[in-house]
Amino acid sequence: MANTPQSKKRARQAERRQDVNKARRSRIRTFLRKVEEAIASGNHETATAALRAAQPEMARGVAKGVVHKNTLARKMSRLSARVKSLAA
């Protein structure tokens, strides 16, 4: 349990950041789900548009420290390959 004023403040700040990070992670997942659904539908144009919309949101997650850089790079690479395979 937090005892000092500083540790109490840090606990409050951590709680606020947790809510912000949770919302950002949820938003990223929503964008990823839209890409997945577009890929499942088999429509290349829709999937490409969804991927383009998801990229900046995912990059923002890395910049804010919500998602690890390599995790995002892996996800982006795999999604891009799947979208690209729809064109063929």
N, C-alpha and C. Protein backbone atom coordinates (compact mmCIF):
# COMPACT_ATOMS: atom_id res chain seq x y z
N MET A 1 0.84 -1.18 0.00
CA MET A 1 0.00 0.00 0.00
C MET A 1 0.89 1.25 0.00
N ALA A 2 0.46 2.27 -0.76
CA ALA A 2 1.24 3.51 -0.84
C ALA A 2 1.16 4.25 0.49
N ASN A 3 2.32 4.68 0.99
CA ASN A 3 2.37 5.38 2.27
C ASN A 3 2.78 6.84 2.12
N THR A 4 3.82 7.10 1.35
CA THR A 4 4.30 8.47 1.22
C THR A 4 3.42 9.24 0.24
N PRO A 5 3.41 10.57 0.36
CA PRO A 5 2.62 11.37 -0.59
C PRO A 5 3.02 11.12 -2.04
N GLN A 6 4.32 10.94 -2.27
CA GLN A 6 4.79 10.70 -3.63
C GLN A 6 4.27 9.37 -4.18
N SER A 7 4.31 8.33 -3.35
CA SER A 7 3.85 7.02 -3.82
C SER A 7 2.33 7.02 -4.03
N LYS A 8 1.62 7.82 -3.22
CA LYS A 8 0.17 7.93 -3.42
C LYS A 8 -0.14 8.62 -4.75
N LYS A 9 0.63 9.66 -5.04
CA LYS A 9 0.44 10.38 -6.30
C LYS A 9 0.78 9.47 -7.49
N ARG A 10 1.88 8.73 -7.38
CA ARG A 10 2.27 7.82 -8.47
C ARG A 10 1.20 6.76 -8.69
N ALA A 11 0.57 6.29 -7.63
CA ALA A 11 -0.50 5.30 -7.75
C ALA A 11 -1.68 5.89 -8.51
N ARG A 12 -2.02 7.16 -8.19
CA ARG A 12 -3.12 7.84 -8.91
C ARG A 12 -2.78 8.02 -10.38
N GLN A 13 -1.55 8.43 -10.65
CA GLN A 13 -1.12 8.63 -12.03
C GLN A 13 -1.13 7.32 -12.81
N ALA A 14 -0.67 6.26 -12.17
CA ALA A 14 -0.63 4.95 -12.82
C ALA A 14 -2.04 4.49 -13.18
N GLU A 15 -2.99 4.78 -12.30
CA GLU A 15 -4.38 4.40 -12.57
C GLU A 15 -4.91 5.15 -13.79
N ARG A 16 -4.62 6.44 -13.87
CA ARG A 16 -5.08 7.24 -15.02
C ARG A 16 -4.43 6.75 -16.31
N ARG A 17 -3.13 6.48 -16.27
CA ARG A 17 -2.42 6.01 -17.46
C ARG A 17 -2.96 4.65 -17.90
N GLN A 18 -3.32 3.82 -16.91
CA GLN A 18 -3.85 2.49 -17.22
C GLN A 18 -5.12 2.61 -18.05
N ASP A 19 -5.99 3.58 -17.69
CA ASP A 19 -7.22 3.79 -18.45
C ASP A 19 -6.93 4.26 -19.87
N VAL A 20 -5.97 5.17 -20.01
CA VAL A 20 -5.62 5.70 -21.33
C VAL A 20 -5.03 4.58 -22.19
N ASN A 21 -4.12 3.81 -21.60
CA ASN A 21 -3.47 2.73 -22.34
C ASN A 21 -4.48 1.65 -22.74
N LYS A 22 -5.41 1.37 -21.85
CA LYS A 22 -6.44 0.37 -22.12
C LYS A 22 -7.29 0.80 -23.32
N ALA A 23 -7.66 2.07 -23.34
CA ALA A 23 -8.46 2.61 -24.45
C ALA A 23 -7.67 2.55 -25.75
N ARG A 24 -6.41 2.91 -25.70
CA ARG A 24 -5.58 2.89 -26.91
C ARG A 24 -5.41 1.48 -27.44
N ARG A 25 -5.16 0.52 -26.52
CA ARG A 25 -4.99 -0.88 -26.93
C ARG A 25 -6.28 -1.40 -27.56
N SER A 26 -7.42 -1.03 -26.97
CA SER A 26 -8.72 -1.44 -27.49
C SER A 26 -8.93 -0.86 -28.89
N ARG A 27 -8.57 0.40 -29.07
CA ARG A 27 -8.72 1.06 -30.37
C ARG A 27 -7.86 0.35 -31.43
N ILE A 28 -6.65 -0.01 -31.07
CA ILE A 28 -5.76 -0.73 -31.99
C ILE A 28 -6.39 -2.07 -32.38
N ARG A 29 -6.92 -2.77 -31.39
CA ARG A 29 -7.54 -4.07 -31.65
C ARG A 29 -8.74 -3.93 -32.59
N THR A 30 -9.49 -2.84 -32.45
CA THR A 30 -10.64 -2.60 -33.31
C THR A 30 -10.19 -2.43 -34.76
N PHE A 31 -9.13 -1.65 -34.96
CA PHE A 31 -8.59 -1.46 -36.31
C PHE A 31 -8.10 -2.78 -36.89
N LEU A 32 -7.43 -3.59 -36.04
CA LEU A 32 -6.93 -4.89 -36.51
C LEU A 32 -8.08 -5.81 -36.88
N ARG A 33 -9.16 -5.76 -36.10
CA ARG A 33 -10.32 -6.60 -36.39
C ARG A 33 -10.94 -6.21 -37.74
N LYS A 34 -10.97 -4.91 -38.03
CA LYS A 34 -11.52 -4.45 -39.31
C LYS A 34 -10.68 -4.97 -40.48
N VAL A 35 -9.36 -4.99 -40.29
CA VAL A 35 -8.48 -5.53 -41.33
C VAL A 35 -8.73 -7.02 -41.50
N GLU A 36 -8.83 -7.73 -40.38
CA GLU A 36 -9.09 -9.18 -40.43
C GLU A 36 -10.40 -9.48 -41.16
N GLU A 37 -11.44 -8.71 -40.85
CA GLU A 37 -12.74 -8.92 -41.50
C GLU A 37 -12.66 -8.64 -42.99
N ALA A 38 -11.92 -7.60 -43.37
CA ALA A 38 -11.75 -7.28 -44.78
C ALA A 38 -11.00 -8.39 -45.51
N ILE A 39 -10.01 -8.96 -44.86
CA ILE A 39 -9.25 -10.07 -45.45
C ILE A 39 -10.17 -11.28 -45.61
N ALA A 40 -10.98 -11.54 -44.58
CA ALA A 40 -11.90 -12.68 -44.63
C ALA A 40 -12.92 -12.53 -45.74
N SER A 41 -13.33 -11.29 -46.01
CA SER A 41 -14.31 -11.07 -47.08
C SER A 41 -13.70 -11.31 -48.45
N GLY A 42 -12.38 -11.21 -48.54
CA GLY A 42 -11.70 -11.49 -49.80
C GLY A 42 -11.59 -10.29 -50.72
N ASN A 43 -12.01 -9.11 -50.25
CA ASN A 43 -11.96 -7.91 -51.07
C ASN A 43 -10.63 -7.20 -50.86
N HIS A 44 -9.80 -7.15 -51.92
CA HIS A 44 -8.46 -6.58 -51.81
C HIS A 44 -8.49 -5.08 -51.52
N GLU A 45 -9.39 -4.34 -52.19
CA GLU A 45 -9.44 -2.88 -52.02
C GLU A 45 -9.84 -2.52 -50.58
N THR A 46 -10.86 -3.21 -50.07
CA THR A 46 -11.32 -2.94 -48.70
C THR A 46 -10.23 -3.28 -47.69
N ALA A 47 -9.56 -4.40 -47.90
CA ALA A 47 -8.50 -4.83 -46.99
C ALA A 47 -7.34 -3.84 -47.00
N THR A 48 -7.00 -3.36 -48.19
CA THR A 48 -5.91 -2.38 -48.31
C THR A 48 -6.26 -1.08 -47.59
N ALA A 49 -7.49 -0.63 -47.78
CA ALA A 49 -7.94 0.60 -47.12
C ALA A 49 -7.95 0.44 -45.60
N ALA A 50 -8.40 -0.71 -45.12
CA ALA A 50 -8.44 -0.97 -43.68
C ALA A 50 -7.03 -1.02 -43.11
N LEU A 51 -6.11 -1.62 -43.85
CA LEU A 51 -4.72 -1.71 -43.39
C LEU A 51 -4.09 -0.33 -43.33
N ARG A 52 -4.36 0.50 -44.35
CA ARG A 52 -3.82 1.86 -44.36
C ARG A 52 -4.36 2.68 -43.20
N ALA A 53 -5.62 2.45 -42.83
CA ALA A 53 -6.21 3.17 -41.70
C ALA A 53 -5.62 2.69 -40.38
N ALA A 54 -5.27 1.41 -40.31
CA ALA A 54 -4.77 0.82 -39.07
C ALA A 54 -3.31 1.18 -38.79
N GLN A 55 -2.52 1.37 -39.83
CA GLN A 55 -1.08 1.60 -39.65
C GLN A 55 -0.74 2.77 -38.74
N PRO A 56 -1.30 3.97 -38.94
CA PRO A 56 -0.93 5.07 -38.05
C PRO A 56 -1.36 4.85 -36.60
N GLU A 57 -2.50 4.21 -36.43
CA GLU A 57 -2.99 3.95 -35.07
C GLU A 57 -2.05 2.98 -34.35
N MET A 58 -1.59 1.96 -35.07
CA MET A 58 -0.68 0.99 -34.50
C MET A 58 0.68 1.64 -34.19
N ALA A 59 1.15 2.48 -35.09
CA ALA A 59 2.43 3.17 -34.88
C ALA A 59 2.33 4.09 -33.66
N ARG A 60 1.17 4.72 -33.47
CA ARG A 60 0.96 5.59 -32.31
C ARG A 60 1.05 4.78 -31.02
N GLY A 61 0.54 3.54 -31.08
CA GLY A 61 0.61 2.67 -29.91
C GLY A 61 2.05 2.37 -29.52
N VAL A 62 2.92 2.20 -30.51
CA VAL A 62 4.33 1.96 -30.24
C VAL A 62 4.96 3.23 -29.66
N ALA A 63 4.64 4.37 -30.25
CA ALA A 63 5.22 5.63 -29.80
C ALA A 63 4.82 5.93 -28.36
N LYS A 64 3.62 5.54 -27.97
CA LYS A 64 3.13 5.80 -26.62
C LYS A 64 3.53 4.71 -25.64
N GLY A 65 4.17 3.65 -26.15
CA GLY A 65 4.65 2.60 -25.26
C GLY A 65 3.60 1.58 -24.87
N VAL A 66 2.51 1.50 -25.62
CA VAL A 66 1.44 0.55 -25.30
C VAL A 66 1.77 -0.83 -25.88
N VAL A 67 2.40 -0.83 -27.06
CA VAL A 67 2.74 -2.07 -27.75
C VAL A 67 4.24 -2.04 -28.04
N HIS A 68 4.89 -3.20 -27.97
CA HIS A 68 6.31 -3.27 -28.26
C HIS A 68 6.55 -3.12 -29.76
N LYS A 69 7.65 -2.48 -30.11
CA LYS A 69 7.98 -2.18 -31.50
C LYS A 69 8.04 -3.44 -32.37
N ASN A 70 8.71 -4.47 -31.88
CA ASN A 70 8.86 -5.69 -32.67
C ASN A 70 7.54 -6.43 -32.82
N THR A 71 6.70 -6.37 -31.80
CA THR A 71 5.38 -7.01 -31.88
C THR A 71 4.58 -6.37 -33.00
N LEU A 72 4.61 -5.05 -33.06
CA LEU A 72 3.88 -4.35 -34.09
C LEU A 72 4.46 -4.63 -35.46
N ALA A 73 5.77 -4.65 -35.56
CA ALA A 73 6.42 -4.92 -36.85
C ALA A 73 6.01 -6.30 -37.36
N ARG A 74 5.96 -7.27 -36.46
CA ARG A 74 5.57 -8.63 -36.85
C ARG A 74 4.13 -8.66 -37.33
N LYS A 75 3.22 -8.01 -36.57
CA LYS A 75 1.82 -7.99 -36.95
C LYS A 75 1.62 -7.30 -38.30
N MET A 76 2.29 -6.15 -38.48
CA MET A 76 2.16 -5.41 -39.73
C MET A 76 2.66 -6.23 -40.91
N SER A 77 3.78 -6.90 -40.72
CA SER A 77 4.36 -7.70 -41.79
C SER A 77 3.40 -8.82 -42.20
N ARG A 78 2.85 -9.51 -41.22
CA ARG A 78 1.95 -10.63 -41.51
C ARG A 78 0.65 -10.15 -42.16
N LEU A 79 0.11 -9.04 -41.65
CA LEU A 79 -1.12 -8.50 -42.23
C LEU A 79 -0.88 -8.04 -43.67
N SER A 80 0.23 -7.35 -43.89
CA SER A 80 0.55 -6.86 -45.23
C SER A 80 0.68 -8.01 -46.21
N ALA A 81 1.33 -9.07 -45.78
CA ALA A 81 1.49 -10.25 -46.65
C ALA A 81 0.14 -10.87 -46.99
N ARG A 82 -0.76 -10.93 -45.99
CA ARG A 82 -2.07 -11.52 -46.24
C ARG A 82 -2.90 -10.64 -47.18
N VAL A 83 -2.81 -9.33 -47.02
CA VAL A 83 -3.55 -8.41 -47.90
C VAL A 83 -2.98 -8.51 -49.30
N LYS A 84 -1.67 -8.58 -49.40
CA LYS A 84 -1.01 -8.67 -50.70
C LYS A 84 -1.40 -9.95 -51.44
N SER A 85 -1.58 -11.04 -50.68
CA SER A 85 -1.93 -12.32 -51.30
C SER A 85 -3.35 -12.31 -51.86
N LEU A 86 -4.19 -11.39 -51.39
CA LEU A 86 -5.55 -11.28 -51.93
C LEU A 86 -5.53 -10.79 -53.39
N ALA A 87 -4.54 -9.98 -53.74
CA ALA A 87 -4.48 -9.41 -55.08
C ALA A 87 -4.19 -10.50 -56.12
N ALA A 88 -3.45 -11.51 -55.70
CA ALA A 88 -3.05 -12.57 -56.64
C ALA A 88 -4.19 -13.51 -56.97
